[in-house]
N, C-alpha and C. Protein backbone atom coordinates (compact mmCIF):
# COMPACT_ATOMS: atom_id res chain seq x y z
N MET A 1 -3.40 -3.00 -52.51
CA MET A 1 -3.59 -3.59 -53.60
C MET A 1 -3.34 -2.96 -54.96
N GLU A 2 -2.92 -2.97 -55.93
CA GLU A 2 -2.45 -3.05 -57.37
C GLU A 2 -3.79 -2.70 -58.24
N THR A 3 -4.03 -1.92 -59.40
CA THR A 3 -4.91 -2.12 -60.28
C THR A 3 -5.75 -2.95 -60.47
N LYS A 4 -4.48 -3.90 -61.02
CA LYS A 4 -4.89 -5.11 -61.45
C LYS A 4 -5.81 -6.22 -60.43
N ASP A 5 -5.31 -5.61 -59.73
CA ASP A 5 -5.88 -6.62 -58.34
C ASP A 5 -7.76 -6.04 -57.98
N LEU A 6 -7.54 -4.79 -57.87
CA LEU A 6 -8.64 -4.76 -58.09
C LEU A 6 -10.21 -4.44 -58.71
N GLN A 7 -9.08 -4.30 -60.18
CA GLN A 7 -10.41 -4.90 -61.57
C GLN A 7 -10.69 -6.37 -61.05
N LYS A 8 -9.92 -7.20 -61.28
CA LYS A 8 -10.18 -9.35 -61.32
C LYS A 8 -11.13 -8.84 -59.66
N PHE A 9 -10.89 -8.40 -58.47
CA PHE A 9 -12.07 -8.05 -57.96
C PHE A 9 -13.08 -7.89 -58.14
N ALA A 10 -13.47 -6.86 -58.66
CA ALA A 10 -15.11 -5.78 -59.07
C ALA A 10 -15.39 -6.71 -59.96
N TYR A 11 -14.55 -7.10 -60.84
CA TYR A 11 -15.16 -7.87 -61.92
C TYR A 11 -16.03 -9.74 -61.49
N LEU A 12 -14.79 -10.09 -60.18
CA LEU A 12 -15.62 -11.23 -59.35
C LEU A 12 -16.94 -11.07 -58.90
N TYR A 13 -16.60 -9.53 -58.71
CA TYR A 13 -18.37 -9.11 -57.57
C TYR A 13 -19.55 -8.79 -59.09
N LEU A 14 -19.26 -8.35 -60.03
CA LEU A 14 -20.00 -8.57 -61.64
C LEU A 14 -20.48 -9.22 -62.18
N CYS A 15 -19.73 -10.27 -62.26
CA CYS A 15 -19.79 -11.71 -63.44
C CYS A 15 -20.95 -12.29 -62.85
N SER A 16 -20.87 -13.83 -63.33
CA SER A 16 -21.74 -15.18 -63.80
C SER A 16 -20.76 -15.32 -62.25
N THR A 17 -22.15 -16.54 -61.64
CA THR A 17 -21.39 -17.38 -60.84
C THR A 17 -20.93 -18.39 -61.83
N LYS A 18 -20.91 -18.88 -63.28
CA LYS A 18 -19.56 -19.47 -63.97
C LYS A 18 -19.19 -18.35 -63.96
N ASP A 19 -18.66 -17.92 -64.83
CA ASP A 19 -17.24 -17.48 -64.62
C ASP A 19 -16.58 -17.61 -62.97
N ARG A 20 -17.36 -17.43 -62.34
CA ARG A 20 -16.20 -16.74 -60.95
C ARG A 20 -15.79 -18.05 -60.85
N LYS A 21 -16.15 -19.06 -60.97
CA LYS A 21 -15.77 -20.19 -61.26
C LYS A 21 -14.43 -21.20 -62.19
N ILE A 22 -15.23 -20.34 -63.03
CA ILE A 22 -14.11 -20.31 -63.59
C ILE A 22 -12.67 -19.88 -63.38
N LEU A 23 -12.75 -18.59 -63.57
CA LEU A 23 -11.49 -17.79 -62.80
C LEU A 23 -11.33 -17.99 -61.37
N SER A 24 -11.62 -19.18 -60.58
CA SER A 24 -11.02 -19.80 -59.24
C SER A 24 -10.89 -20.63 -59.07
N GLY A 25 -11.12 -20.89 -60.88
CA GLY A 25 -10.22 -22.53 -61.22
C GLY A 25 -11.13 -24.07 -60.90
N LYS A 26 -12.24 -24.09 -60.17
CA LYS A 26 -13.09 -24.87 -60.23
C LYS A 26 -13.38 -25.45 -61.43
N GLU A 27 -13.35 -24.44 -62.05
CA GLU A 27 -13.65 -24.78 -63.88
C GLU A 27 -13.01 -24.95 -65.22
N LYS A 28 -12.91 -25.05 -66.27
CA LYS A 28 -11.34 -25.54 -66.86
C LYS A 28 -12.11 -23.74 -67.62
N MET A 29 -11.14 -23.59 -68.45
CA MET A 29 -11.36 -22.16 -68.93
C MET A 29 -10.91 -22.56 -70.13
N LYS A 30 -12.02 -22.46 -71.11
CA LYS A 30 -11.95 -22.67 -72.14
C LYS A 30 -12.21 -21.66 -73.82
N TYR A 31 -11.78 -21.59 -74.74
CA TYR A 31 -11.26 -20.45 -75.68
C TYR A 31 -12.57 -19.84 -75.61
N CYS A 32 -13.77 -20.05 -76.13
CA CYS A 32 -14.56 -19.10 -76.18
C CYS A 32 -15.04 -18.14 -74.55
N ASP A 33 -14.50 -18.67 -73.80
CA ASP A 33 -14.93 -18.10 -71.79
C ASP A 33 -13.49 -17.49 -72.54
N PHE A 34 -12.73 -17.18 -72.86
CA PHE A 34 -11.36 -16.64 -72.67
C PHE A 34 -11.85 -15.11 -73.66
N ARG A 35 -11.86 -15.90 -75.30
CA ARG A 35 -13.03 -14.31 -75.85
C ARG A 35 -13.74 -13.80 -75.19
N ARG A 36 -14.44 -14.27 -74.33
CA ARG A 36 -15.62 -13.37 -74.08
C ARG A 36 -15.28 -12.69 -72.91
N MET A 37 -14.55 -13.21 -71.76
CA MET A 37 -13.98 -12.45 -70.64
C MET A 37 -13.15 -11.34 -71.36
N THR A 38 -12.32 -11.47 -71.79
CA THR A 38 -11.33 -10.48 -72.39
C THR A 38 -12.40 -9.48 -72.83
N TYR A 39 -13.27 -9.72 -73.50
CA TYR A 39 -13.84 -8.75 -74.30
C TYR A 39 -14.20 -7.90 -73.35
N LEU A 40 -15.35 -8.66 -71.97
CA LEU A 40 -15.69 -8.02 -71.53
C LEU A 40 -15.12 -6.56 -70.24
N ALA A 41 -14.25 -7.62 -69.64
CA ALA A 41 -13.50 -6.79 -69.26
C ALA A 41 -13.01 -5.41 -69.89
N GLY A 42 -11.97 -5.29 -71.41
CA GLY A 42 -12.01 -4.12 -72.05
C GLY A 42 -13.11 -3.89 -72.03
N TYR A 43 -13.73 -3.88 -71.99
CA TYR A 43 -15.88 -3.13 -72.90
C TYR A 43 -15.96 -2.58 -71.37
N ILE A 44 -15.78 -2.80 -70.24
CA ILE A 44 -16.20 -2.37 -68.67
C ILE A 44 -15.10 -1.60 -68.21
N GLY A 45 -13.66 -1.67 -69.48
CA GLY A 45 -12.89 -0.78 -68.62
C GLY A 45 -11.17 -1.06 -67.89
N PHE A 46 -11.84 -2.57 -67.24
CA PHE A 46 -11.12 -2.83 -66.45
C PHE A 46 -9.83 -3.63 -67.59
N TYR A 47 -8.83 -2.81 -67.96
CA TYR A 47 -7.72 -3.28 -69.05
C TYR A 47 -6.83 -3.40 -68.38
N GLU A 48 -6.47 -3.48 -67.44
CA GLU A 48 -5.24 -4.44 -66.48
C GLU A 48 -5.82 -5.63 -66.02
N PHE A 49 -6.86 -5.78 -66.05
CA PHE A 49 -7.31 -7.11 -65.68
C PHE A 49 -7.70 -8.28 -66.97
N ALA A 50 -7.79 -7.16 -68.20
CA ALA A 50 -7.72 -7.42 -69.70
C ALA A 50 -6.80 -8.69 -69.73
N SER A 51 -5.29 -7.56 -69.45
CA SER A 51 -4.27 -7.97 -69.16
C SER A 51 -3.22 -9.36 -68.77
N VAL A 52 -4.15 -9.37 -67.94
CA VAL A 52 -3.89 -10.25 -66.31
C VAL A 52 -4.66 -11.55 -67.40
N LEU A 53 -6.26 -11.69 -67.75
CA LEU A 53 -6.40 -12.19 -68.61
C LEU A 53 -5.94 -13.69 -69.66
N TRP A 54 -4.96 -12.27 -70.24
CA TRP A 54 -4.46 -12.18 -71.99
C TRP A 54 -2.93 -13.13 -71.01
N ALA A 55 -1.73 -13.35 -69.95
CA ALA A 55 -0.62 -13.83 -69.53
C ALA A 55 -1.17 -14.44 -68.75
N GLU A 56 -2.21 -14.87 -68.24
CA GLU A 56 -2.58 -16.49 -68.13
C GLU A 56 -3.42 -17.40 -68.89
N TYR A 57 -3.63 -16.83 -69.75
CA TYR A 57 -4.70 -17.61 -70.10
C TYR A 57 -3.82 -17.45 -71.40
N GLY A 58 -3.70 -17.14 -72.11
CA GLY A 58 -3.37 -16.11 -73.77
C GLY A 58 -2.71 -17.68 -74.38
N GLU A 59 -1.68 -18.40 -73.81
CA GLU A 59 -0.39 -19.14 -74.47
C GLU A 59 -1.26 -20.75 -74.11
N ASP A 60 -2.50 -20.84 -73.36
CA ASP A 60 -3.02 -21.93 -73.77
C ASP A 60 -3.87 -22.23 -74.47
N PHE A 61 -4.48 -20.74 -75.40
CA PHE A 61 -5.00 -21.00 -76.35
C PHE A 61 -4.59 -19.90 -77.98
N LYS A 62 -3.27 -20.51 -77.93
CA LYS A 62 -2.67 -20.29 -78.98
C LYS A 62 -2.72 -20.91 -80.08
N GLU A 63 -3.05 -22.30 -80.64
CA GLU A 63 -3.66 -22.46 -81.62
C GLU A 63 -5.29 -22.57 -81.99
N GLU A 64 -5.79 -21.89 -81.26
CA GLU A 64 -7.67 -21.14 -81.65
C GLU A 64 -6.77 -20.20 -82.20
N ILE A 65 -6.33 -18.89 -81.44
CA ILE A 65 -5.78 -17.69 -81.69
C ILE A 65 -5.05 -17.41 -83.10
N ASP A 66 -4.14 -18.91 -83.51
CA ASP A 66 -3.33 -18.36 -84.57
C ASP A 66 -4.06 -19.71 -85.38
N ALA A 67 -5.69 -19.89 -85.35
CA ALA A 67 -6.32 -20.19 -86.31
C ALA A 67 -6.46 -19.48 -87.19
N LEU A 68 -7.42 -18.40 -85.45
CA LEU A 68 -8.98 -17.56 -86.27
C LEU A 68 -7.88 -16.96 -86.83
N GLU A 69 -6.66 -16.05 -86.23
CA GLU A 69 -6.18 -14.56 -87.48
C GLU A 69 -5.59 -15.62 -88.58
N GLN A 70 -5.75 -17.04 -88.86
CA GLN A 70 -5.41 -17.15 -90.04
C GLN A 70 -6.19 -17.32 -91.00
N ILE A 71 -7.60 -17.40 -90.70
CA ILE A 71 -9.64 -17.65 -91.07
C ILE A 71 -9.77 -16.23 -91.82
N GLN A 72 -9.32 -14.78 -90.61
CA GLN A 72 -9.56 -13.78 -91.16
C GLN A 72 -8.39 -13.49 -92.00
N GLU A 73 -6.51 -14.02 -92.06
CA GLU A 73 -6.12 -13.30 -92.67
C GLU A 73 -6.92 -13.32 -94.20
N GLU A 74 -7.14 -15.12 -94.53
CA GLU A 74 -7.60 -15.35 -96.32
C GLU A 74 -9.54 -14.98 -96.00
N MET A 75 -10.10 -14.63 -94.81
CA MET A 75 -11.52 -14.05 -95.23
C MET A 75 -11.30 -13.38 -96.08
N LYS A 76 -9.72 -12.14 -95.57
CA LYS A 76 -10.27 -10.86 -96.40
C LYS A 76 -9.76 -10.08 -97.65
N ILE A 77 -9.12 -11.82 -98.33
CA ILE A 77 -9.16 -12.09 -99.34
C ILE A 77 -9.78 -11.89 -99.61
N ASP A 78 -10.84 -12.95 -100.44
CA ASP A 78 -12.14 -12.95 -100.73
C ASP A 78 -13.74 -13.78 -100.34
N HIS A 79 -14.10 -12.70 -99.67
CA HIS A 79 -14.94 -12.39 -98.72
C HIS A 79 -15.09 -10.91 -98.18
N ASP A 80 -16.61 -10.83 -98.46
CA ASP A 80 -16.77 -9.18 -97.73
C ASP A 80 -16.68 -9.54 -96.36
N SER A 81 -16.19 -8.11 -95.30
CA SER A 81 -16.14 -8.49 -94.05
C SER A 81 -17.59 -7.67 -93.14
N TYR A 82 -18.03 -7.68 -94.39
CA TYR A 82 -18.86 -6.31 -93.72
C TYR A 82 -20.12 -8.01 -92.55
N THR A 83 -19.99 -9.16 -93.90
CA THR A 83 -21.40 -9.86 -92.58
C THR A 83 -20.63 -10.38 -91.60
N ASP A 84 -18.99 -10.15 -91.04
CA ASP A 84 -18.88 -11.14 -90.15
C ASP A 84 -18.03 -9.91 -89.23
N GLN A 85 -17.84 -8.88 -89.19
CA GLN A 85 -18.93 -7.82 -88.51
C GLN A 85 -19.84 -7.60 -87.63
N GLU A 86 -20.82 -7.81 -88.45
CA GLU A 86 -22.17 -7.68 -87.86
C GLU A 86 -22.50 -9.08 -87.31
N TYR A 87 -21.18 -10.13 -87.62
CA TYR A 87 -21.66 -11.43 -86.79
C TYR A 87 -21.19 -11.34 -85.61
N CYS A 88 -20.05 -10.58 -85.46
CA CYS A 88 -19.21 -9.95 -83.67
C CYS A 88 -20.09 -8.95 -83.14
N ILE A 89 -20.66 -7.74 -84.00
CA ILE A 89 -20.87 -7.22 -83.39
C ILE A 89 -22.57 -7.78 -82.31
N LYS A 90 -22.93 -8.52 -83.27
CA LYS A 90 -23.85 -9.44 -82.25
C LYS A 90 -23.40 -10.44 -81.14
N GLU A 91 -22.24 -10.81 -81.98
CA GLU A 91 -20.90 -11.92 -80.39
C GLU A 91 -21.75 -11.40 -79.42
N GLU A 92 -20.49 -10.11 -79.15
CA GLU A 92 -20.52 -9.24 -78.15
C GLU A 92 -21.66 -8.75 -77.36
N ALA A 93 -22.98 -8.32 -78.18
CA ALA A 93 -23.90 -8.03 -78.20
C ALA A 93 -24.21 -8.55 -76.62
N GLY A 94 -24.39 -9.72 -77.06
CA GLY A 94 -25.04 -11.02 -76.48
C GLY A 94 -24.35 -11.50 -75.51
N TRP A 95 -22.67 -11.05 -75.70
CA TRP A 95 -21.64 -11.31 -73.86
C TRP A 95 -22.55 -10.15 -73.16
N VAL A 96 -22.27 -8.62 -73.61
CA VAL A 96 -22.24 -7.58 -72.44
C VAL A 96 -23.90 -8.12 -72.30
N LYS A 97 -25.40 -8.45 -73.03
CA LYS A 97 -26.09 -8.84 -72.39
C LYS A 97 -26.02 -9.82 -71.47
N GLU A 98 -25.93 -10.57 -71.41
CA GLU A 98 -25.34 -11.97 -70.36
C GLU A 98 -24.63 -11.36 -69.52
N PHE A 99 -23.94 -10.60 -69.46
CA PHE A 99 -22.65 -10.20 -68.42
C PHE A 99 -23.87 -8.69 -67.50
N LEU A 100 -24.44 -8.61 -68.36
CA LEU A 100 -26.15 -7.69 -67.14
C LEU A 100 -27.07 -8.48 -66.33
N LYS A 101 -27.45 -9.72 -67.11
CA LYS A 101 -28.10 -10.48 -66.77
C LYS A 101 -28.24 -11.23 -65.42
N GLY A 102 -25.80 -11.41 -65.15
CA GLY A 102 -25.29 -11.84 -64.24
C GLY A 102 -25.02 -10.89 -63.13
N CYS A 103 -24.89 -9.17 -63.42
CA CYS A 103 -24.16 -8.32 -63.07
C CYS A 103 -25.20 -8.83 -61.26
N PRO A 104 -25.13 -8.22 -60.03
CA PRO A 104 -25.84 -8.38 -58.75
C PRO A 104 -27.18 -6.72 -59.14
N PHE A 105 -28.07 -7.13 -59.29
CA PHE A 105 -29.27 -6.41 -59.64
C PHE A 105 -29.36 -4.92 -59.14
N ALA A 106 -28.27 -4.87 -57.96
CA ALA A 106 -28.33 -3.44 -56.99
C ALA A 106 -27.49 -2.37 -57.94
N VAL A 107 -26.59 -3.31 -59.31
CA VAL A 107 -25.61 -2.48 -60.06
C VAL A 107 -26.08 -2.82 -61.67
N ARG A 108 -27.50 -3.11 -61.54
CA ARG A 108 -27.47 -3.18 -63.07
C ARG A 108 -27.70 -1.82 -64.01
N ARG A 109 -28.46 -1.12 -63.87
CA ARG A 109 -28.69 0.21 -64.01
C ARG A 109 -28.10 0.96 -63.98
N TRP A 110 -26.57 0.66 -62.94
CA TRP A 110 -25.67 2.06 -63.11
C TRP A 110 -24.77 0.87 -64.33
N MET A 111 -24.72 -0.35 -64.40
CA MET A 111 -23.81 -0.42 -65.64
C MET A 111 -24.51 0.49 -67.02
N GLN A 112 -25.23 -0.33 -67.52
CA GLN A 112 -26.04 0.46 -68.33
C GLN A 112 -26.02 1.56 -68.09
N GLU A 113 -26.09 2.55 -67.39
CA GLU A 113 -25.63 4.08 -67.78
C GLU A 113 -23.82 3.86 -67.71
N TYR A 114 -23.04 3.24 -67.21
CA TYR A 114 -21.89 3.42 -67.18
C TYR A 114 -21.37 3.03 -68.90
N ALA A 115 -22.15 2.16 -69.48
CA ALA A 115 -21.97 1.58 -71.22
C ALA A 115 -22.67 3.38 -71.51
N ALA A 116 -23.50 3.21 -71.37
CA ALA A 116 -23.78 4.36 -73.01
C ALA A 116 -23.21 6.14 -72.91
N ARG A 117 -22.47 6.48 -71.03
CA ARG A 117 -21.26 6.79 -71.46
C ARG A 117 -19.93 7.04 -71.85
N ASN A 118 -19.23 5.68 -71.97
CA ASN A 118 -18.55 5.16 -72.69
C ASN A 118 -18.88 5.30 -73.60
N ASP A 119 -19.30 4.37 -73.94
CA ASP A 119 -19.55 3.41 -75.40
C ASP A 119 -20.04 3.95 -76.79
N PRO A 120 -19.68 4.57 -77.61
CA PRO A 120 -20.25 5.60 -78.51
C PRO A 120 -20.71 4.44 -79.90
N ASN A 121 -21.09 3.35 -78.96
CA ASN A 121 -21.87 2.59 -79.98
C ASN A 121 -22.63 1.79 -79.37
N TRP A 122 -22.64 2.43 -78.18
CA TRP A 122 -23.52 1.64 -76.61
C TRP A 122 -25.27 1.04 -77.54
N GLY A 123 -25.85 2.37 -79.15
CA GLY A 123 -26.90 1.90 -79.46
C GLY A 123 -27.43 0.91 -79.81
N THR A 124 -26.09 -0.08 -79.80
CA THR A 124 -25.65 -1.53 -80.36
C THR A 124 -26.61 -2.46 -79.49
N PHE A 125 -25.86 -1.71 -77.94
CA PHE A 125 -26.51 -2.42 -77.16
C PHE A 125 -27.80 -2.33 -76.07
N GLU A 126 -27.72 -0.69 -76.72
CA GLU A 126 -29.41 -0.73 -75.79
C GLU A 126 -30.38 -1.47 -76.28
N GLU A 127 -30.58 -1.36 -77.07
CA GLU A 127 -32.10 -2.76 -77.41
C GLU A 127 -31.92 -4.09 -76.91
N ILE A 128 -30.65 -4.30 -76.67
CA ILE A 128 -30.35 -5.92 -76.01
C ILE A 128 -30.45 -5.87 -75.20
N TRP A 129 -30.48 -4.23 -74.13
CA TRP A 129 -30.49 -4.19 -72.43
C TRP A 129 -32.08 -4.07 -72.20
N GLU A 130 -32.99 -3.60 -73.01
CA GLU A 130 -33.69 -3.52 -73.02
C GLU A 130 -33.99 -5.38 -73.10
N GLU A 131 -33.74 -5.41 -73.76
CA GLU A 131 -34.59 -7.18 -73.92
C GLU A 131 -34.42 -7.45 -72.71
N ALA A 132 -33.14 -7.94 -71.86
CA ALA A 132 -32.91 -8.16 -70.73
C ALA A 132 -33.35 -7.43 -69.58
N MET A 133 -34.20 -6.27 -69.57
CA MET A 133 -34.63 -5.73 -68.58
C MET A 133 -36.00 -6.51 -68.92
N SER A 134 -36.55 -6.56 -69.98
CA SER A 134 -37.87 -7.36 -70.24
C SER A 134 -37.91 -8.18 -69.16
N GLU A 135 -37.21 -9.57 -69.48
CA GLU A 135 -37.16 -10.36 -68.95
C GLU A 135 -37.13 -11.21 -68.07
N MET A 136 -36.18 -9.34 -67.48
CA MET A 136 -35.90 -10.04 -65.91
C MET A 136 -37.36 -9.82 -65.00
N ASP A 137 -37.92 -8.36 -65.56
CA ASP A 137 -39.18 -8.45 -65.38
C ASP A 137 -40.11 -8.78 -65.18
N SER A 138 -40.31 -9.66 -66.58
CA SER A 138 -41.52 -11.29 -66.60
C SER A 138 -41.08 -12.34 -65.97
N ARG A 139 -39.86 -12.58 -65.30
CA ARG A 139 -39.66 -13.33 -64.28
C ARG A 139 -39.79 -12.95 -63.17
N LYS A 140 -40.59 -11.60 -62.68
CA LYS A 140 -39.79 -11.33 -61.48
C LYS A 140 -41.30 -11.78 -61.21
N GLY A 141 -41.73 -11.41 -62.25
CA GLY A 141 -43.85 -11.11 -62.55
C GLY A 141 -44.24 -12.88 -62.04
N LYS A 142 -43.73 -13.20 -63.52
CA LYS A 142 -43.71 -14.54 -63.19
C LYS A 142 -43.88 -15.27 -61.54
N GLN A 143 -42.53 -15.40 -60.51
CA GLN A 143 -42.50 -15.91 -59.91
C GLN A 143 -43.29 -14.92 -58.74
N ALA A 144 -43.13 -14.02 -58.59
CA ALA A 144 -44.98 -12.92 -57.36
C ALA A 144 -45.87 -14.07 -57.82
N SER A 145 -46.54 -14.13 -59.34
CA SER A 145 -47.42 -14.62 -59.89
C SER A 145 -47.35 -15.74 -58.89
N GLY A 146 -46.62 -16.51 -58.82
CA GLY A 146 -46.67 -18.31 -58.46
C GLY A 146 -46.77 -18.40 -56.40
N LYS A 147 -45.78 -17.16 -56.06
CA LYS A 147 -46.01 -17.35 -55.18
C LYS A 147 -47.30 -16.88 -54.46
N ARG A 148 -48.04 -15.87 -55.37
CA ARG A 148 -49.82 -15.40 -55.19
C ARG A 148 -50.48 -17.33 -55.02
N LYS A 149 -50.69 -17.61 -56.61
CA LYS A 149 -51.27 -18.46 -56.84
C LYS A 149 -51.04 -19.73 -55.09
N ASN A 150 -49.17 -19.98 -55.18
CA ASN A 150 -49.35 -21.53 -53.91
C ASN A 150 -49.92 -20.76 -52.57
N GLU A 151 -50.48 -19.02 -52.52
CA GLU A 151 -50.73 -19.23 -51.32
C GLU A 151 -52.51 -19.07 -51.10
N GLU A 152 -53.14 -19.03 -52.09
CA GLU A 152 -54.07 -19.08 -52.40
C GLU A 152 -54.49 -19.86 -52.10
N LYS A 153 -53.58 -20.91 -52.64
CA LYS A 153 -53.88 -22.61 -52.20
C LYS A 153 -54.26 -23.00 -51.37
N VAL A 154 -52.94 -22.76 -50.08
CA VAL A 154 -52.62 -22.51 -49.26
C VAL A 154 -54.04 -23.01 -48.01
N ILE A 155 -54.12 -20.67 -48.44
CA ILE A 155 -55.49 -20.44 -47.97
C ILE A 155 -56.84 -21.68 -47.90
N ALA A 156 -57.06 -21.86 -49.02
CA ALA A 156 -58.04 -22.02 -50.10
C ALA A 156 -58.14 -23.72 -49.48
N GLU A 157 -57.16 -24.24 -48.53
CA GLU A 157 -56.68 -25.85 -47.80
C GLU A 157 -57.03 -25.80 -47.12
N VAL A 158 -57.27 -24.37 -45.97
CA VAL A 158 -56.91 -23.82 -44.74
C VAL A 158 -58.83 -24.11 -44.39
């Protein structure tokens, strides 16, 4: 098996159900999905898989890519790019957050440690990671609380 195939297989294991449907052809790839998945594939070091995504879908989004490049060129002339960079960082951080939430629970902590070791800008995402973990913990707490309430209700009825 080639590296690109192994990376695709690993990505399919790590990604959300929605992304699996898109990559299996059950749902149509949108430009926003393409941007997000190529970013995430590169972010986690799956560069060959990112290249496969470009080869497979890049031509489908040529118009969008060209339009984005045109806008970026125009903005360089008469716009402070700091706000654009800030927006991009927030957007990418959101992608990472959603990706981590979609990862199988058994590997989430490992993914955080991997990112911290390999991303010099991990601090940007660390806060988002903690927020994602807090959300998951509170959901688990609510589920457990809901189960206890249902059990108490059943016992009270008996």
